[in-house]
């Protein structure tokens, strides 16, 4: 292949760099794309709690700062917990206390303007 034949491929690769970020975790968590918004849940176990960070990025790769967001969590023992998320330092955050061992199922609910979006995650402790 001639060098000139590589130019379109390089331009395509350069132009898709931003779009490639969607669907990939940027903060080491689990990422889900819903209606061109990227949601990422980062789970940080602590001694007697679990810290949960939730990131929302809009279709233009801008951090969403004005969402109303909460997590609906099903615990390993069948308990249902709803935790509101508070925005601070570029993401939404909350803490889950009274941790039991096992798998947790999480539904993240976010209202952004007039859009109501949800995504599903899970984690084990």
N, C-alpha and C. Protein backbone atom coordinates (compact mmCIF):
# COMPACT_ATOMS: atom_id res chain seq x y z
N UNK A 1 0.85 -1.17 0.00
CA UNK A 1 0.00 0.00 0.00
C UNK A 1 0.90 1.23 0.00
N UNK A 2 0.56 2.20 -0.85
CA UNK A 2 1.33 3.42 -0.92
C UNK A 2 1.05 4.28 0.32
N UNK A 3 1.99 5.17 0.61
CA UNK A 3 1.86 6.07 1.76
C UNK A 3 0.59 6.90 1.65
N UNK A 4 0.25 7.37 0.46
CA UNK A 4 -0.95 8.19 0.27
C UNK A 4 -2.22 7.43 0.63
N UNK A 5 -2.20 6.12 0.49
CA UNK A 5 -3.37 5.31 0.83
C UNK A 5 -3.62 5.29 2.33
N UNK A 6 -2.60 5.53 3.14
CA UNK A 6 -2.74 5.53 4.60
C UNK A 6 -3.40 6.80 5.13
N UNK A 7 -3.30 7.90 4.38
CA UNK A 7 -3.81 9.18 4.87
C UNK A 7 -5.29 9.11 5.25
N UNK A 8 -6.19 8.55 4.41
CA UNK A 8 -7.59 8.48 4.84
C UNK A 8 -7.79 7.66 6.11
N UNK A 9 -7.03 6.58 6.27
CA UNK A 9 -7.15 5.75 7.47
C UNK A 9 -6.70 6.52 8.72
N UNK A 10 -5.64 7.29 8.60
CA UNK A 10 -5.17 8.09 9.72
C UNK A 10 -6.20 9.16 10.08
N UNK A 11 -6.77 9.80 9.08
CA UNK A 11 -7.79 10.83 9.34
C UNK A 11 -9.02 10.24 10.01
N UNK A 12 -9.43 9.06 9.58
CA UNK A 12 -10.56 8.40 10.21
C UNK A 12 -10.24 8.09 11.67
N UNK A 13 -9.05 7.58 11.94
CA UNK A 13 -8.66 7.25 13.32
C UNK A 13 -8.63 8.50 14.19
N UNK A 14 -8.14 9.61 13.66
CA UNK A 14 -8.09 10.85 14.42
C UNK A 14 -9.49 11.39 14.69
N UNK A 15 -10.37 11.29 13.73
CA UNK A 15 -11.73 11.82 13.87
C UNK A 15 -12.61 10.97 14.77
N UNK A 16 -12.27 9.72 15.00
CA UNK A 16 -13.12 8.87 15.82
C UNK A 16 -12.62 8.75 17.25
N UNK A 17 -11.55 9.43 17.61
CA UNK A 17 -11.00 9.33 18.95
C UNK A 17 -12.01 9.68 20.04
N UNK A 18 -12.77 10.75 19.88
CA UNK A 18 -13.74 11.16 20.88
C UNK A 18 -14.88 10.17 20.96
N UNK A 19 -15.39 9.73 19.83
CA UNK A 19 -16.51 8.79 19.83
C UNK A 19 -16.10 7.46 20.46
N UNK A 20 -14.85 7.10 20.35
CA UNK A 20 -14.38 5.84 20.90
C UNK A 20 -14.50 5.81 22.42
N UNK A 21 -14.44 6.99 23.05
CA UNK A 21 -14.51 7.05 24.51
C UNK A 21 -15.86 6.55 25.03
N UNK A 22 -16.93 6.79 24.29
CA UNK A 22 -18.24 6.32 24.74
C UNK A 22 -18.26 4.80 24.75
N UNK A 23 -18.84 4.24 25.79
CA UNK A 23 -18.91 2.79 25.94
C UNK A 23 -17.71 2.20 26.65
N UNK A 24 -16.66 2.98 26.84
CA UNK A 24 -15.45 2.54 27.53
C UNK A 24 -15.39 3.23 28.88
N UNK A 25 -15.07 2.51 29.94
CA UNK A 25 -14.94 3.15 31.25
C UNK A 25 -13.76 4.13 31.27
N UNK A 26 -14.01 5.34 31.72
CA UNK A 26 -12.97 6.36 31.81
C UNK A 26 -12.39 6.44 33.22
N UNK A 27 -13.09 5.86 34.22
CA UNK A 27 -12.69 6.01 35.62
C UNK A 27 -12.49 4.66 36.32
N UNK A 28 -12.38 3.59 35.53
CA UNK A 28 -12.12 2.28 36.11
C UNK A 28 -13.36 1.53 36.56
N UNK A 29 -14.53 2.01 36.20
CA UNK A 29 -15.78 1.37 36.61
C UNK A 29 -16.43 0.59 35.48
N UNK A 30 -17.74 0.44 35.59
CA UNK A 30 -18.55 -0.22 34.56
C UNK A 30 -19.24 0.88 33.76
N UNK A 31 -19.16 0.83 32.44
CA UNK A 31 -19.74 1.86 31.59
C UNK A 31 -20.88 1.30 30.76
N UNK A 32 -21.93 2.12 30.62
CA UNK A 32 -23.10 1.76 29.82
C UNK A 32 -23.49 2.99 29.01
N UNK A 33 -23.84 2.80 27.76
CA UNK A 33 -24.32 3.90 26.94
C UNK A 33 -25.82 3.78 26.74
N UNK A 34 -26.53 4.88 27.04
CA UNK A 34 -27.99 4.93 26.91
C UNK A 34 -28.35 6.21 26.17
N UNK A 35 -28.98 6.07 25.01
CA UNK A 35 -29.40 7.22 24.19
C UNK A 35 -28.26 8.23 24.02
N UNK A 36 -27.09 7.73 23.72
CA UNK A 36 -25.89 8.53 23.48
C UNK A 36 -25.31 9.21 24.72
N UNK A 37 -25.84 8.94 25.89
CA UNK A 37 -25.25 9.37 27.15
C UNK A 37 -24.44 8.20 27.69
N UNK A 38 -23.29 8.50 28.28
CA UNK A 38 -22.51 7.45 28.90
C UNK A 38 -22.65 7.55 30.41
N UNK A 39 -23.00 6.43 31.03
CA UNK A 39 -23.07 6.31 32.48
C UNK A 39 -21.93 5.39 32.91
N UNK A 40 -21.26 5.77 33.98
CA UNK A 40 -20.22 4.90 34.53
C UNK A 40 -20.36 4.84 36.04
N UNK A 41 -20.40 3.63 36.57
CA UNK A 41 -20.48 3.41 38.01
C UNK A 41 -19.14 2.87 38.50
N UNK A 42 -18.57 3.56 39.49
CA UNK A 42 -17.31 3.14 40.10
C UNK A 42 -17.62 2.75 41.53
N UNK A 43 -17.27 1.52 41.90
CA UNK A 43 -17.54 0.97 43.22
C UNK A 43 -16.22 0.92 43.99
N UNK A 44 -16.19 1.58 45.16
CA UNK A 44 -14.99 1.61 45.98
C UNK A 44 -15.30 1.04 47.36
N UNK A 45 -14.96 -0.23 47.60
CA UNK A 45 -15.21 -0.85 48.91
C UNK A 45 -14.41 -0.16 50.00
N UNK A 46 -15.06 0.03 51.13
CA UNK A 46 -14.42 0.57 52.33
C UNK A 46 -14.64 -0.46 53.43
N UNK A 47 -14.10 -0.23 54.61
CA UNK A 47 -14.17 -1.20 55.70
C UNK A 47 -15.62 -1.57 56.05
N UNK A 48 -16.48 -0.58 56.26
CA UNK A 48 -17.85 -0.86 56.68
C UNK A 48 -18.88 -0.23 55.75
N UNK A 49 -18.47 0.10 54.55
CA UNK A 49 -19.37 0.74 53.60
C UNK A 49 -18.83 0.54 52.18
N UNK A 50 -19.60 1.01 51.21
CA UNK A 50 -19.14 1.02 49.82
C UNK A 50 -19.43 2.40 49.26
N UNK A 51 -18.39 3.05 48.78
CA UNK A 51 -18.52 4.37 48.18
C UNK A 51 -18.85 4.17 46.70
N UNK A 52 -19.87 4.86 46.21
CA UNK A 52 -20.30 4.73 44.81
C UNK A 52 -20.17 6.07 44.10
N UNK A 53 -19.41 6.09 43.02
CA UNK A 53 -19.27 7.29 42.19
C UNK A 53 -19.96 7.00 40.86
N UNK A 54 -20.71 7.98 40.38
CA UNK A 54 -21.49 7.83 39.16
C UNK A 54 -21.19 9.00 38.24
N UNK A 55 -20.74 8.69 37.04
CA UNK A 55 -20.36 9.70 36.06
C UNK A 55 -21.37 9.69 34.92
N UNK A 56 -21.74 10.89 34.46
CA UNK A 56 -22.65 11.03 33.32
C UNK A 56 -21.99 11.95 32.30
N UNK A 57 -21.88 11.46 31.06
CA UNK A 57 -21.30 12.25 29.97
C UNK A 57 -22.34 12.33 28.86
N UNK A 58 -22.57 13.54 28.35
CA UNK A 58 -23.59 13.74 27.32
C UNK A 58 -23.08 13.33 25.94
N UNK A 59 -23.93 13.36 24.91
CA UNK A 59 -23.50 12.94 23.56
C UNK A 59 -22.35 13.76 22.99
N UNK A 60 -22.10 14.97 23.52
CA UNK A 60 -20.99 15.81 23.04
C UNK A 60 -19.76 15.67 23.93
N UNK A 61 -19.71 14.61 24.74
CA UNK A 61 -18.59 14.31 25.64
C UNK A 61 -18.38 15.37 26.72
N UNK A 62 -19.45 16.00 27.15
CA UNK A 62 -19.41 16.98 28.24
C UNK A 62 -19.99 16.34 29.49
N UNK A 63 -19.40 16.61 30.64
CA UNK A 63 -19.91 16.11 31.91
C UNK A 63 -21.26 16.75 32.20
N UNK A 64 -22.24 15.93 32.56
CA UNK A 64 -23.57 16.43 32.93
C UNK A 64 -23.52 16.80 34.41
N UNK A 65 -23.81 18.06 34.70
CA UNK A 65 -23.71 18.57 36.06
C UNK A 65 -25.07 18.85 36.69
N UNK A 66 -26.13 18.80 35.90
CA UNK A 66 -27.45 19.23 36.39
C UNK A 66 -28.49 18.12 36.38
N UNK A 67 -28.06 16.89 36.48
CA UNK A 67 -29.01 15.76 36.48
C UNK A 67 -29.60 15.58 37.88
N UNK A 68 -30.78 15.03 37.90
CA UNK A 68 -31.35 14.52 39.15
C UNK A 68 -31.13 13.01 39.06
N UNK A 69 -30.37 12.47 40.00
CA UNK A 69 -29.98 11.07 39.86
C UNK A 69 -30.09 10.32 41.19
N UNK A 70 -30.39 9.03 41.07
CA UNK A 70 -30.44 8.15 42.24
C UNK A 70 -30.12 6.73 41.82
N UNK A 71 -29.76 5.92 42.82
CA UNK A 71 -29.49 4.50 42.59
C UNK A 71 -30.52 3.68 43.32
N UNK A 72 -31.12 2.71 42.61
CA UNK A 72 -32.00 1.72 43.24
C UNK A 72 -31.17 0.45 43.34
N UNK A 73 -30.99 -0.03 44.57
CA UNK A 73 -30.08 -1.15 44.81
C UNK A 73 -30.84 -2.32 45.42
N UNK A 74 -30.65 -3.49 44.83
CA UNK A 74 -31.17 -4.74 45.41
C UNK A 74 -29.97 -5.43 46.07
N UNK A 75 -30.06 -5.64 47.38
CA UNK A 75 -28.96 -6.23 48.14
C UNK A 75 -29.01 -7.75 48.05
N UNK A 76 -27.93 -8.43 48.45
CA UNK A 76 -27.92 -9.90 48.40
C UNK A 76 -29.02 -10.55 49.25
N UNK A 77 -29.45 -9.87 50.32
CA UNK A 77 -30.50 -10.45 51.17
C UNK A 77 -31.91 -10.02 50.75
N UNK A 78 -32.03 -9.39 49.56
CA UNK A 78 -33.34 -9.05 49.02
C UNK A 78 -33.87 -7.68 49.41
N UNK A 79 -33.13 -6.94 50.20
CA UNK A 79 -33.56 -5.60 50.60
C UNK A 79 -33.43 -4.65 49.41
N UNK A 80 -34.38 -3.72 49.28
CA UNK A 80 -34.35 -2.70 48.23
C UNK A 80 -33.99 -1.36 48.88
N UNK A 81 -32.99 -0.70 48.34
CA UNK A 81 -32.52 0.57 48.88
C UNK A 81 -32.49 1.60 47.75
N UNK A 82 -32.95 2.81 48.04
CA UNK A 82 -32.86 3.92 47.09
C UNK A 82 -31.92 4.95 47.69
N UNK A 83 -30.86 5.28 46.96
CA UNK A 83 -29.88 6.26 47.42
C UNK A 83 -29.82 7.43 46.46
N UNK A 84 -30.14 8.65 46.92
CA UNK A 84 -29.98 9.82 46.06
C UNK A 84 -28.50 10.08 45.82
N UNK A 85 -28.19 10.59 44.65
CA UNK A 85 -26.82 10.93 44.30
C UNK A 85 -26.62 12.44 44.38
N UNK A 86 -25.51 12.85 44.95
CA UNK A 86 -25.17 14.26 45.10
C UNK A 86 -24.03 14.58 44.14
N UNK A 87 -24.15 15.70 43.42
CA UNK A 87 -23.09 16.09 42.48
C UNK A 87 -21.98 16.83 43.23
N UNK A 88 -20.73 16.40 43.00
CA UNK A 88 -19.56 17.10 43.53
C UNK A 88 -18.32 16.70 42.76
N UNK A 89 -17.49 17.67 42.46
CA UNK A 89 -16.19 17.43 41.82
C UNK A 89 -16.25 16.61 40.54
N UNK A 90 -17.19 16.91 39.65
CA UNK A 90 -17.25 16.27 38.34
C UNK A 90 -18.01 14.96 38.26
N UNK A 91 -18.66 14.55 39.36
CA UNK A 91 -19.42 13.31 39.32
C UNK A 91 -20.46 13.31 40.43
N UNK A 92 -21.29 12.29 40.43
CA UNK A 92 -22.33 12.12 41.44
C UNK A 92 -21.84 11.06 42.41
N UNK A 93 -22.23 11.18 43.68
CA UNK A 93 -21.67 10.28 44.67
C UNK A 93 -22.67 9.94 45.77
N UNK A 94 -22.48 8.78 46.39
CA UNK A 94 -23.24 8.35 47.56
C UNK A 94 -22.46 7.24 48.25
N UNK A 95 -22.95 6.83 49.41
CA UNK A 95 -22.31 5.75 50.16
C UNK A 95 -23.37 4.75 50.58
N UNK A 96 -23.08 3.48 50.38
CA UNK A 96 -23.94 2.39 50.80
C UNK A 96 -23.35 1.81 52.08
N UNK A 97 -24.15 1.80 53.16
CA UNK A 97 -23.68 1.28 54.45
C UNK A 97 -24.34 -0.06 54.74
N UNK A 98 -23.95 -0.67 55.85
CA UNK A 98 -24.48 -1.98 56.26
C UNK A 98 -24.33 -3.02 55.15
N UNK A 99 -23.11 -3.25 54.77
CA UNK A 99 -22.78 -4.12 53.65
C UNK A 99 -22.87 -5.59 54.02
N UNK A 100 -23.57 -6.36 53.18
CA UNK A 100 -23.62 -7.82 53.30
C UNK A 100 -22.79 -8.41 52.16
N UNK A 101 -22.29 -9.61 52.35
CA UNK A 101 -21.53 -10.27 51.29
C UNK A 101 -22.50 -10.79 50.24
N UNK A 102 -22.08 -10.66 48.96
CA UNK A 102 -22.89 -11.16 47.87
C UNK A 102 -22.98 -10.17 46.73
N UNK A 103 -23.92 -10.45 45.83
CA UNK A 103 -24.07 -9.63 44.62
C UNK A 103 -25.15 -8.57 44.81
N UNK A 104 -24.82 -7.37 44.38
CA UNK A 104 -25.73 -6.23 44.41
C UNK A 104 -26.13 -5.89 42.98
N UNK A 105 -27.40 -5.65 42.77
CA UNK A 105 -27.89 -5.23 41.46
C UNK A 105 -28.31 -3.77 41.58
N UNK A 106 -27.87 -2.95 40.63
CA UNK A 106 -28.07 -1.51 40.71
C UNK A 106 -28.77 -1.01 39.45
N UNK A 107 -29.81 -0.20 39.65
CA UNK A 107 -30.42 0.55 38.55
C UNK A 107 -30.15 2.02 38.83
N UNK A 108 -29.45 2.66 37.91
CA UNK A 108 -29.18 4.09 38.03
C UNK A 108 -30.24 4.83 37.25
N UNK A 109 -30.92 5.76 37.91
CA UNK A 109 -31.97 6.56 37.28
C UNK A 109 -31.49 8.01 37.22
N UNK A 110 -31.56 8.60 36.04
CA UNK A 110 -31.14 9.99 35.88
C UNK A 110 -32.17 10.74 35.04
N UNK A 111 -32.51 11.92 35.50
CA UNK A 111 -33.34 12.83 34.72
C UNK A 111 -32.45 13.98 34.31
N UNK A 112 -32.32 14.15 33.00
CA UNK A 112 -31.48 15.20 32.44
C UNK A 112 -32.39 16.03 31.53
N UNK A 113 -32.73 17.22 31.97
CA UNK A 113 -33.71 18.02 31.24
C UNK A 113 -35.03 17.28 31.25
N UNK A 114 -35.57 17.00 30.07
CA UNK A 114 -36.83 16.26 29.98
C UNK A 114 -36.62 14.77 29.68
N UNK A 115 -35.36 14.33 29.68
CA UNK A 115 -35.05 12.91 29.42
C UNK A 115 -34.95 12.14 30.72
N UNK A 116 -35.62 11.00 30.77
CA UNK A 116 -35.51 10.08 31.89
C UNK A 116 -34.76 8.85 31.38
N UNK A 117 -33.58 8.62 31.94
CA UNK A 117 -32.71 7.55 31.47
C UNK A 117 -32.38 6.61 32.63
N UNK A 118 -32.18 5.34 32.31
CA UNK A 118 -31.75 4.40 33.35
C UNK A 118 -30.74 3.43 32.77
N UNK A 119 -29.93 2.91 33.66
CA UNK A 119 -28.92 1.93 33.27
C UNK A 119 -28.76 0.92 34.39
N UNK A 120 -28.24 -0.24 34.08
CA UNK A 120 -28.13 -1.32 35.05
C UNK A 120 -26.66 -1.73 35.24
N UNK A 121 -26.34 -2.00 36.49
CA UNK A 121 -25.00 -2.40 36.87
C UNK A 121 -25.12 -3.49 37.94
N UNK A 122 -24.01 -4.12 38.25
CA UNK A 122 -23.96 -5.04 39.39
C UNK A 122 -22.55 -5.05 39.94
N UNK A 123 -22.45 -5.44 41.20
CA UNK A 123 -21.13 -5.59 41.83
C UNK A 123 -21.26 -6.57 42.98
N UNK A 124 -20.14 -7.14 43.37
CA UNK A 124 -20.10 -8.09 44.49
C UNK A 124 -19.25 -7.52 45.61
N UNK A 125 -19.60 -7.91 46.82
CA UNK A 125 -18.82 -7.53 48.02
C UNK A 125 -18.46 -8.80 48.74
